[in-house]
Amino acid sequence: MPAKKPKPIPHLKLLNTTKMPGATMLVALTGWMDGGCVSTGTVRQIMHGRELVEVGRIEPDPFYIYNFPGSMDVAAMFRPNVKSAGGMVDELHFPENVFLAAPANKLLFFLGQEPNLKWQAFADCMFGVCKAVGIKRIIFIGSFGGSVPHTREPRMFGSVSHESLKSVLAEHGATPSEYEGPSSFATLLMAQAPERGVQMLSFAAEIPGYLEGENPVSIEAVTRRMSRILNQPVDLGRLRHASDEWEAKVTRVVDKDKKLAATIRELEEQYDNQLIAKVDEPQ
């Protein structure tokens, strides 16, 4: 008898069932855990220069709130963006959730927006792609604003789906997470990974909380860490230029703000003292 075709998963559009048994999927999500654009920025940096094939997409409609009640300022954060030209609609942008494969590197990339609604259905789509492609391991990369000064490396915290993966955190200097509070969508993936036959690691980078916007220095630092974890070379030349410009801009701002400069010196002292204390801990 011919093999049965897998049952279609609602809202998942598979375009190319590229088989990559044992591959890794890197997940980046805008929203809750993308401070400084480190989640999306890191994954895009690792994608850069690779031969990519689009594997599929998750349709946005069931998963997002477009018409949020409240003031225009609040509602504007949820509505799709439009660009008009000459009195006509030129572009209308809805959330995109795209899977892109780099078969030569056995990597699958997911770039998307954390869903507002129907988390389980969204997770079913992601695990469905894992099964279709042959993904063995998921790595989520996130970030949040904290007390790390911009003059120091981001702190890295990690969570794992299996006890055996804790050694990966230790090997790459990630502190096991002790977080308690509101969860992200990636936490749902983590909780369900074992029953779906997939291993999962989640890395959250603590970056400077006093700075807004894209943070190329933190993206570069996290990208270097991911390069080692994946054992994949990454060209950081393009990002290095953006990092230099960003550092110069921040330095100019700090030089004009004595209060901010004093705060940064305090954060540097706290960071360095914590690092010394960690080195001095008995093994």
C-alpha atoms as a PDB file:
ATOM      1  CA  MET A   1       0.000   0.000   0.000  1.00  0.00           C
ATOM      2  CA  PRO A   2       1.254   3.512  -0.773  1.00  0.00           C
ATOM      3  CA  ALA A   3       2.351   5.537   2.238  1.00  0.00           C
ATOM      4  CA  LYS A   4      -0.288   7.847   3.601  1.00  0.00           C
ATOM      5  CA  LYS A   5       0.264  11.530   3.065  1.00  0.00           C
ATOM      6  CA  PRO A   6       0.720  13.450   6.327  1.00  0.00           C
ATOM      7  CA  LYS A   7      -2.394  15.274   7.455  1.00  0.00           C
ATOM      8  CA  PRO A   8      -2.190  18.996   6.607  1.00  0.00           C
ATOM      9  CA  ILE A   9      -1.676  21.286   9.594  1.00  0.00           C
ATOM     10  CA  PRO A  10      -4.069  24.246   9.672  1.00  0.00           C
ATOM     11  CA  HIS A  11      -2.473  27.600   8.807  1.00  0.00           C
ATOM     12  CA  LEU A  12       0.856  26.009   7.793  1.00  0.00           C
ATOM     13  CA  LYS A  13       1.841  26.301   4.124  1.00  0.00           C
ATOM     14  CA  LEU A  14       4.689  23.961   3.213  1.00  0.00           C
ATOM     15  CA  LEU A  15       6.409  25.016   0.004  1.00  0.00           C
ATOM     16  CA  ASN A  16       9.419  22.703  -0.034  1.00  0.00           C
ATOM     17  CA  THR A  17       9.841  19.577   2.087  1.00  0.00           C
ATOM     18  CA  THR A  18      13.638  19.680   2.073  1.00  0.00           C
ATOM     19  CA  LYS A  19      14.836  16.732   4.169  1.00  0.00           C
ATOM     20  CA  MET A  20      17.661  17.456   6.619  1.00  0.00           C
ATOM     21  CA  PRO A  21      17.682  14.621   9.184  1.00  0.00           C
ATOM     22  CA  GLY A  22      19.346  15.664  12.432  1.00  0.00           C
ATOM     23  CA  ALA A  23      19.387  19.367  11.518  1.00  0.00           C
ATOM     24  CA  THR A  24      19.078  22.360  13.878  1.00  0.00           C
ATOM     25  CA  MET A  25      16.387  25.033  13.686  1.00  0.00           C
ATOM     26  CA  LEU A  26      17.284  28.539  14.887  1.00  0.00           C
ATOM     27  CA  VAL A  27      14.263  30.526  16.060  1.00  0.00           C
ATOM     28  CA  ALA A  28      13.983  34.318  16.181  1.00  0.00           C
ATOM     29  CA  LEU A  29      10.802  36.066  17.309  1.00  0.00           C
ATOM     30  CA  THR A  30      10.034  39.759  17.382  1.00  0.00           C
ATOM     31  CA  GLY A  31       8.095  40.991  20.363  1.00  0.00           C
ATOM     32  CA  TRP A  32       8.570  39.809  23.930  1.00  0.00           C
ATOM     33  CA  MET A  33      12.209  38.642  23.766  1.00  0.00           C
ATOM     34  CA  ASP A  34      13.822  40.782  21.070  1.00  0.00           C
ATOM     35  CA  GLY A  35      15.414  43.620  23.051  1.00  0.00           C
ATOM     36  CA  GLY A  36      17.946  45.495  20.933  1.00  0.00           C
ATOM     37  CA  CYS A  37      16.806  43.347  17.968  1.00  0.00           C
ATOM     38  CA  VAL A  38      19.265  40.726  19.246  1.00  0.00           C
ATOM     39  CA  SER A  39      16.987  37.744  18.544  1.00  0.00           C
ATOM     40  CA  THR A  40      16.209  38.631  14.938  1.00  0.00           C
ATOM     41  CA  GLY A  41      19.561  40.339  14.357  1.00  0.00           C
ATOM     42  CA  THR A  42      21.588  37.310  15.427  1.00  0.00           C
ATOM     43  CA  VAL A  43      19.625  34.852  13.314  1.00  0.00           C
ATOM     44  CA  ARG A  44      19.770  37.132  10.277  1.00  0.00           C
ATOM     45  CA  GLN A  45      23.528  37.462  10.741  1.00  0.00           C
ATOM     46  CA  ILE A  46      23.955  33.678  10.794  1.00  0.00           C
ATOM     47  CA  MET A  47      21.733  33.397   7.702  1.00  0.00           C
ATOM     48  CA  HIS A  48      23.750  35.960   5.758  1.00  0.00           C
ATOM     49  CA  GLY A  49      25.732  34.574   2.817  1.00  0.00           C
ATOM     50  CA  ARG A  50      24.191  31.087   2.907  1.00  0.00           C
ATOM     51  CA  GLU A  51      22.261  29.378   0.122  1.00  0.00           C
ATOM     52  CA  LEU A  52      18.679  29.496   1.404  1.00  0.00           C
ATOM     53  CA  VAL A  53      15.520  27.702   0.327  1.00  0.00           C
ATOM     54  CA  GLU A  54      12.088  28.760   1.584  1.00  0.00           C
ATOM     55  CA  VAL A  55      10.476  25.745   3.238  1.00  0.00           C
ATOM     56  CA  GLY A  56       7.177  27.191   4.379  1.00  0.00           C
ATOM     57  CA  ARG A  57       5.148  29.885   6.086  1.00  0.00           C
ATOM     58  CA  ILE A  58       2.638  30.204   8.891  1.00  0.00           C
ATOM     59  CA  GLU A  59      -0.404  32.232   7.858  1.00  0.00           C
ATOM     60  CA  PRO A  60      -0.778  35.249  10.151  1.00  0.00           C
ATOM     61  CA  ASP A  61      -4.539  35.829  10.396  1.00  0.00           C
ATOM     62  CA  PRO A  62      -5.538  33.515  13.295  1.00  0.00           C
ATOM     63  CA  PHE A  63      -2.592  34.453  15.505  1.00  0.00           C
ATOM     64  CA  TYR A  64      -2.516  38.248  15.777  1.00  0.00           C
ATOM     65  CA  ILE A  65      -4.658  41.086  17.096  1.00  0.00           C
ATOM     66  CA  TYR A  66      -5.033  43.847  14.515  1.00  0.00           C
ATOM     67  CA  ASN A  67      -7.810  45.930  16.048  1.00  0.00           C
ATOM     68  CA  PHE A  68      -6.846  46.523  19.681  1.00  0.00           C
ATOM     69  CA  PRO A  69      -9.220  48.792  21.657  1.00  0.00           C
ATOM     70  CA  GLY A  70      -7.801  51.937  23.207  1.00  0.00           C
ATOM     71  CA  SER A  71      -6.089  55.141  22.191  1.00  0.00           C
ATOM     72  CA  MET A  72      -4.592  55.534  18.737  1.00  0.00           C
ATOM     73  CA  ASP A  73      -1.074  55.338  20.212  1.00  0.00           C
ATOM     74  CA  VAL A  74      -1.823  51.938  21.750  1.00  0.00           C
ATOM     75  CA  ALA A  75      -3.819  50.604  18.794  1.00  0.00           C
ATOM     76  CA  ALA A  76      -1.036  51.625  16.383  1.00  0.00           C
ATOM     77  CA  MET A  77       1.273  49.005  17.923  1.00  0.00           C
ATOM     78  CA  PHE A  78      -1.015  46.206  16.701  1.00  0.00           C
ATOM     79  CA  ARG A  79      -2.277  47.366  13.314  1.00  0.00           C
ATOM     80  CA  PRO A  80      -0.598  46.342  10.027  1.00  0.00           C
ATOM     81  CA  ASN A  81       1.642  49.023   8.511  1.00  0.00           C
ATOM     82  CA  VAL A  82       0.669  50.636   5.228  1.00  0.00           C
ATOM     83  CA  LYS A  83       2.666  52.724   2.769  1.00  0.00           C
ATOM     84  CA  SER A  84       0.818  54.859   0.226  1.00  0.00           C
ATOM     85  CA  ALA A  85       2.130  56.643  -2.850  1.00  0.00           C
ATOM     86  CA  GLY A  86       0.238  59.048  -5.095  1.00  0.00           C
ATOM     87  CA  GLY A  87      -2.999  58.439  -3.252  1.00  0.00           C
ATOM     88  CA  MET A  88      -2.852  54.642  -3.705  1.00  0.00           C
ATOM     89  CA  VAL A  89      -1.841  51.798  -1.407  1.00  0.00           C
ATOM     90  CA  ASP A  90       1.694  50.812  -2.345  1.00  0.00           C
ATOM     91  CA  GLU A  91       2.512  48.341   0.460  1.00  0.00           C
ATOM     92  CA  LEU A  92       0.519  46.682   3.243  1.00  0.00           C
ATOM     93  CA  HIS A  93       2.563  44.672   5.735  1.00  0.00           C
ATOM     94  CA  PHE A  94       1.142  41.869   7.884  1.00  0.00           C
ATOM     95  CA  PRO A  95       3.214  39.753  10.283  1.00  0.00           C
ATOM     96  CA  GLU A  96       5.407  37.219   8.487  1.00  0.00           C
ATOM     97  CA  ASN A  97       6.481  33.818   9.798  1.00  0.00           C
ATOM     98  CA  VAL A  98       8.946  32.189   7.425  1.00  0.00           C
ATOM     99  CA  PHE A  99      11.010  28.984   7.479  1.00  0.00           C
ATOM    100  CA  LEU A 100      14.224  29.099   5.432  1.00  0.00           C
ATOM    101  CA  ALA A 101      16.609  26.159   5.026  1.00  0.00           C
ATOM    102  CA  ALA A 102      20.353  26.117   4.431  1.00  0.00           C
ATOM    103  CA  PRO A 103      20.706  22.444   3.361  1.00  0.00           C
ATOM    104  CA  ALA A 104      24.487  22.632   2.948  1.00  0.00           C
ATOM    105  CA  ASN A 105      24.787  23.576   6.628  1.00  0.00           C
ATOM    106  CA  LYS A 106      21.892  21.442   7.967  1.00  0.00           C
ATOM    107  CA  LEU A 107      20.294  24.561   9.399  1.00  0.00           C
ATOM    108  CA  LEU A 108      16.680  25.725   9.336  1.00  0.00           C
ATOM    109  CA  PHE A 109      15.872  29.329  10.230  1.00  0.00           C
ATOM    110  CA  PHE A 110      12.547  30.595  11.519  1.00  0.00           C
ATOM    111  CA  LEU A 111      11.922  34.331  11.473  1.00  0.00           C
ATOM    112  CA  GLY A 112       8.581  35.347  12.883  1.00  0.00           C
ATOM    113  CA  GLN A 113       6.522  37.373  15.306  1.00  0.00           C
ATOM    114  CA  GLU A 114       5.433  35.960  18.650  1.00  0.00           C
ATOM    115  CA  PRO A 115       1.711  35.144  18.322  1.00  0.00           C
ATOM    116  CA  ASN A 116      -0.897  37.044  20.330  1.00  0.00           C
ATOM    117  CA  LEU A 117      -3.466  34.241  20.059  1.00  0.00           C
ATOM    118  CA  LYS A 118      -3.731  30.453  19.635  1.00  0.00           C
ATOM    119  CA  TRP A 119      -0.253  29.594  20.924  1.00  0.00           C
ATOM    120  CA  GLN A 120      -0.867  25.863  20.694  1.00  0.00           C
ATOM    121  CA  ALA A 121      -1.914  26.018  17.039  1.00  0.00           C
ATOM    122  CA  PHE A 122       1.181  28.093  16.260  1.00  0.00           C
ATOM    123  CA  ALA A 123       3.370  25.562  18.102  1.00  0.00           C
ATOM    124  CA  ASP A 124       1.742  22.726  16.121  1.00  0.00           C
ATOM    125  CA  CYS A 125       2.815  24.485  12.921  1.00  0.00           C
ATOM    126  CA  MET A 126       6.413  24.781  14.116  1.00  0.00           C
ATOM    127  CA  PHE A 127       6.654  21.180  15.308  1.00  0.00           C
ATOM    128  CA  GLY A 128       4.999  20.094  12.058  1.00  0.00           C
ATOM    129  CA  VAL A 129       7.850  21.679  10.090  1.00  0.00           C
ATOM    130  CA  CYS A 130      10.367  20.017  12.424  1.00  0.00           C
ATOM    131  CA  LYS A 131       8.831  16.618  11.632  1.00  0.00           C
ATOM    132  CA  ALA A 132       8.646  17.269   7.881  1.00  0.00           C
ATOM    133  CA  VAL A 133      12.269  18.436   7.642  1.00  0.00           C
ATOM    134  CA  GLY A 134      13.818  16.084  10.217  1.00  0.00           C
ATOM    135  CA  ILE A 135      14.837  18.653  12.834  1.00  0.00           C
ATOM    136  CA  LYS A 136      16.550  17.158  15.884  1.00  0.00           C
ATOM    137  CA  ARG A 137      17.325  20.354  17.806  1.00  0.00           C
ATOM    138  CA  ILE A 138      15.697  23.774  18.221  1.00  0.00           C
ATOM    139  CA  ILE A 139      17.667  26.768  19.476  1.00  0.00           C
ATOM    140  CA  PHE A 140      15.778  29.898  20.463  1.00  0.00           C
ATOM    141  CA  ILE A 141      17.732  33.136  20.780  1.00  0.00           C
ATOM    142  CA  GLY A 142      16.201  35.915  22.880  1.00  0.00           C
ATOM    143  CA  SER A 143      17.254  39.061  24.703  1.00  0.00           C
ATOM    144  CA  PHE A 144      16.051  41.414  27.414  1.00  0.00           C
ATOM    145  CA  GLY A 145      17.106  44.738  28.886  1.00  0.00           C
ATOM    146  CA  GLY A 146      18.957  44.495  32.192  1.00  0.00           C
ATOM    147  CA  SER A 147      21.847  45.942  34.193  1.00  0.00           C
ATOM    148  CA  VAL A 148      24.671  44.987  31.815  1.00  0.00           C
ATOM    149  CA  PRO A 149      26.646  48.096  30.757  1.00  0.00           C
ATOM    150  CA  HIS A 150      27.203  48.589  27.034  1.00  0.00           C
ATOM    151  CA  THR A 151      30.971  48.385  27.619  1.00  0.00           C
ATOM    152  CA  ARG A 152      30.757  44.722  28.676  1.00  0.00           C
ATOM    153  CA  GLU A 153      29.706  41.421  27.076  1.00  0.00           C
ATOM    154  CA  PRO A 154      26.013  40.550  27.434  1.00  0.00           C
ATOM    155  CA  ARG A 155      25.276  38.004  30.142  1.00  0.00           C
ATOM    156  CA  MET A 156      23.814  34.792  28.759  1.00  0.00           C
ATOM    157  CA  PHE A 157      21.132  32.727  30.487  1.00  0.00           C
ATOM    158  CA  GLY A 158      19.916  29.376  29.239  1.00  0.00           C
ATOM    159  CA  SER A 159      17.184  26.771  29.583  1.00  0.00           C
ATOM    160  CA  VAL A 160      17.059  23.255  28.148  1.00  0.00           C
ATOM    161  CA  SER A 161      14.410  20.659  27.416  1.00  0.00           C
ATOM    162  CA  HIS A 162      16.517  17.662  28.511  1.00  0.00           C
ATOM    163  CA  GLU A 163      18.848  17.119  31.457  1.00  0.00           C
ATOM    164  CA  SER A 164      21.592  15.947  29.105  1.00  0.00           C
ATOM    165  CA  LEU A 165      21.735  19.389  27.465  1.00  0.00           C
ATOM    166  CA  LYS A 166      22.801  21.212  30.634  1.00  0.00           C
ATOM    167  CA  SER A 167      26.426  20.512  29.754  1.00  0.00           C
ATOM    168  CA  VAL A 168      25.990  22.687  26.631  1.00  0.00           C
ATOM    169  CA  LEU A 169      25.076  25.654  28.838  1.00  0.00           C
ATOM    170  CA  ALA A 170      28.141  25.111  31.027  1.00  0.00           C
ATOM    171  CA  GLU A 171      30.434  24.646  28.021  1.00  0.00           C
ATOM    172  CA  HIS A 172      29.409  27.986  26.530  1.00  0.00           C
ATOM    173  CA  GLY A 173      29.236  30.054  29.698  1.00  0.00           C
ATOM    174  CA  ALA A 174      25.449  30.367  29.928  1.00  0.00           C
ATOM    175  CA  THR A 175      23.979  30.569  33.432  1.00  0.00           C
ATOM    176  CA  PRO A 176      21.059  28.151  33.994  1.00  0.00           C
ATOM    177  CA  SER A 177      17.899  30.246  34.211  1.00  0.00           C
ATOM    178  CA  GLU A 178      16.141  30.711  37.560  1.00  0.00           C
ATOM    179  CA  TYR A 179      13.487  32.972  36.034  1.00  0.00           C
ATOM    180  CA  GLU A 180       9.971  33.074  37.428  1.00  0.00           C
ATOM    181  CA  GLY A 181       7.314  35.300  35.859  1.00  0.00           C
ATOM    182  CA  PRO A 182       5.420  35.922  32.601  1.00  0.00           C
ATOM    183  CA  SER A 183       6.501  33.414  29.968  1.00  0.00           C
ATOM    184  CA  SER A 184       7.275  33.725  26.282  1.00  0.00           C
ATOM    185  CA  PHE A 185       5.950  31.616  23.428  1.00  0.00           C
ATOM    186  CA  ALA A 186       9.376  29.957  23.249  1.00  0.00           C
ATOM    187  CA  THR A 187       8.691  28.549  26.737  1.00  0.00           C
ATOM    188  CA  LEU A 188       5.720  26.634  25.337  1.00  0.00           C
ATOM    189  CA  LEU A 189       7.975  25.128  22.659  1.00  0.00           C
ATOM    190  CA  MET A 190      10.499  24.200  25.369  1.00  0.00           C
ATOM    191  CA  ALA A 191       7.871  22.511  27.545  1.00  0.00           C
ATOM    192  CA  GLN A 192       6.514  20.439  24.658  1.00  0.00           C
ATOM    193  CA  ALA A 193       9.787  19.599  22.880  1.00  0.00           C
ATOM    194  CA  PRO A 194      10.397  16.251  24.671  1.00  0.00           C
ATOM    195  CA  GLU A 195       6.993  14.840  23.747  1.00  0.00           C
ATOM    196  CA  ARG A 196       7.552  15.978  20.140  1.00  0.00           C
ATOM    197  CA  GLY A 197      10.853  14.107  19.916  1.00  0.00           C
ATOM    198  CA  VAL A 198      12.941  17.290  19.647  1.00  0.00           C
ATOM    199  CA  GLN A 199      15.691  18.705  21.859  1.00  0.00           C
ATOM    200  CA  MET A 200      15.576  22.416  22.603  1.00  0.00           C
ATOM    201  CA  LEU A 201      17.861  25.055  24.049  1.00  0.00           C
ATOM    202  CA  SER A 202      16.871  28.633  24.811  1.00  0.00           C
ATOM    203  CA  PHE A 203      19.442  31.394  25.222  1.00  0.00           C
ATOM    204  CA  ALA A 204      18.476  34.807  26.597  1.00  0.00           C
ATOM    205  CA  ALA A 205      21.059  37.585  26.428  1.00  0.00           C
ATOM    206  CA  GLU A 206      20.919  40.330  29.053  1.00  0.00           C
ATOM    207  CA  ILE A 207      21.756  43.605  27.318  1.00  0.00           C
ATOM    208  CA  PRO A 208      21.877  47.282  28.437  1.00  0.00           C
ATOM    209  CA  GLY A 209      18.412  48.303  29.568  1.00  0.00           C
ATOM    210  CA  TYR A 210      19.151  52.040  29.366  1.00  0.00           C
ATOM    211  CA  LEU A 211      19.572  52.004  25.586  1.00  0.00           C
ATOM    212  CA  GLU A 212      16.808  51.801  22.979  1.00  0.00           C
ATOM    213  CA  GLY A 213      16.778  50.549  19.419  1.00  0.00           C
ATOM    214  CA  GLU A 214      18.960  48.047  17.605  1.00  0.00           C
ATOM    215  CA  ASN A 215      22.138  47.110  19.471  1.00  0.00           C
ATOM    216  CA  PRO A 216      24.732  45.825  16.945  1.00  0.00           C
ATOM    217  CA  VAL A 217      27.404  45.295  19.626  1.00  0.00           C
ATOM    218  CA  SER A 218      25.150  42.870  21.512  1.00  0.00           C
ATOM    219  CA  ILE A 219      24.107  41.222  18.239  1.00  0.00           C
ATOM    220  CA  GLU A 220      27.775  40.701  17.388  1.00  0.00           C
ATOM    221  CA  ALA A 221      28.571  39.241  20.828  1.00  0.00           C
ATOM    222  CA  VAL A 222      25.638  36.817  20.728  1.00  0.00           C
ATOM    223  CA  THR A 223      26.376  35.864  17.108  1.00  0.00           C
ATOM    224  CA  ARG A 224      29.943  34.911  18.072  1.00  0.00           C
ATOM    225  CA  ARG A 225      28.548  32.716  20.849  1.00  0.00           C
ATOM    226  CA  MET A 226      26.042  31.051  18.506  1.00  0.00           C
ATOM    227  CA  SER A 227      28.778  30.458  15.935  1.00  0.00           C
ATOM    228  CA  ARG A 228      30.680  28.402  18.513  1.00  0.00           C
ATOM    229  CA  ILE A 229      27.572  26.524  19.675  1.00  0.00           C
ATOM    230  CA  LEU A 230      26.637  25.615  16.109  1.00  0.00           C
ATOM    231  CA  ASN A 231      30.243  25.041  15.050  1.00  0.00           C
ATOM    232  CA  GLN A 232      29.474  27.181  12.005  1.00  0.00           C
ATOM    233  CA  PRO A 233      31.684  30.034  10.746  1.00  0.00           C
ATOM    234  CA  VAL A 234      30.004  33.448  10.555  1.00  0.00           C
ATOM    235  CA  ASP A 235      31.397  36.502   8.753  1.00  0.00           C
ATOM    236  CA  LEU A 236      31.141  39.417  11.196  1.00  0.00           C
ATOM    237  CA  GLY A 237      32.829  42.004   8.971  1.00  0.00           C
ATOM    238  CA  ARG A 238      29.627  43.756   7.945  1.00  0.00           C
ATOM    239  CA  LEU A 239      28.358  43.835  11.531  1.00  0.00           C
ATOM    240  CA  ARG A 240      31.700  45.070  12.872  1.00  0.00           C
ATOM    241  CA  HIS A 241      31.314  48.330  10.932  1.00  0.00           C
ATOM    242  CA  ALA A 242      27.804  48.885  12.349  1.00  0.00           C
ATOM    243  CA  SER A 243      29.096  48.093  15.860  1.00  0.00           C
ATOM    244  CA  ASP A 244      31.897  50.679  15.572  1.00  0.00           C
ATOM    245  CA  GLU A 245      29.448  53.381  14.458  1.00  0.00           C
ATOM    246  CA  TRP A 246      27.002  52.480  17.234  1.00  0.00           C
ATOM    247  CA  GLU A 247      29.713  52.548  19.919  1.00  0.00           C
ATOM    248  CA  ALA A 248      30.892  55.974  18.751  1.00  0.00           C
ATOM    249  CA  LYS A 249      27.313  57.299  18.844  1.00  0.00           C
ATOM    250  CA  VAL A 250      26.699  55.957  22.368  1.00  0.00           C
ATOM    251  CA  THR A 251      30.013  57.391  23.565  1.00  0.00           C
ATOM    252  CA  ARG A 252      29.016  60.860  22.341  1.00  0.00           C
ATOM    253  CA  VAL A 253      25.698  60.620  24.197  1.00  0.00           C
ATOM    254  CA  VAL A 254      27.318  59.415  27.420  1.00  0.00           C
ATOM    255  CA  ASP A 255      29.987  62.142  27.307  1.00  0.00           C
ATOM    256  CA  LYS A 256      27.214  64.755  27.383  1.00  0.00           C
ATOM    257  CA  ASP A 257      25.263  63.151  30.255  1.00  0.00           C
ATOM    258  CA  LYS A 258      27.171  63.077  33.551  1.00  0.00           C
ATOM    259  CA  LYS A 259      24.361  61.284  35.377  1.00  0.00           C
ATOM    260  CA  LEU A 260      24.239  58.519  32.777  1.00  0.00           C
ATOM    261  CA  ALA A 261      28.041  58.255  32.812  1.00  0.00           C
ATOM    262  CA  ALA A 262      28.002  57.782  36.592  1.00  0.00           C
ATOM    263  CA  THR A 263      25.296  55.122  36.305  1.00  0.00           C
ATOM    264  CA  ILE A 264      27.343  53.240  33.707  1.00  0.00           C
ATOM    265  CA  ARG A 265      30.438  53.318  35.949  1.00  0.00           C
ATOM    266  CA  GLU A 266      28.364  51.805  38.773  1.00  0.00           C
ATOM    267  CA  LEU A 267      27.050  49.080  36.449  1.00  0.00           C
ATOM    268  CA  GLU A 268      30.602  48.338  35.252  1.00  0.00           C
ATOM    269  CA  GLU A 269      31.778  47.936  38.858  1.00  0.00           C
ATOM    270  CA  GLN A 270      28.872  45.627  39.709  1.00  0.00           C
ATOM    271  CA  TYR A 271      29.459  43.576  36.549  1.00  0.00           C
ATOM    272  CA  ASP A 272      33.193  43.198  37.201  1.00  0.00           C
ATOM    273  CA  ASN A 273      32.675  42.303  40.872  1.00  0.00           C
ATOM    274  CA  GLN A 274      30.147  39.629  39.957  1.00  0.00           C
ATOM    275  CA  LEU A 275      32.572  38.229  37.387  1.00  0.00           C
ATOM    276  CA  ILE A 276      35.392  38.092  39.970  1.00  0.00           C
ATOM    277  CA  ALA A 277      33.114  36.411  42.500  1.00  0.00           C
ATOM    278  CA  LYS A 278      32.099  33.811  39.931  1.00  0.00           C
ATOM    279  CA  VAL A 279      35.738  33.025  39.089  1.00  0.00           C
ATOM    280  CA  ASP A 280      36.531  32.671  42.781  1.00  0.00           C
ATOM    281  CA  GLU A 281      33.670  30.218  43.422  1.00  0.00           C
ATOM    282  CA  PRO A 282      34.876  26.761  44.486  1.00  0.00           C
ATOM    283  CA  GLN A 283      34.608  24.279  41.668  1.00  0.00           C
END
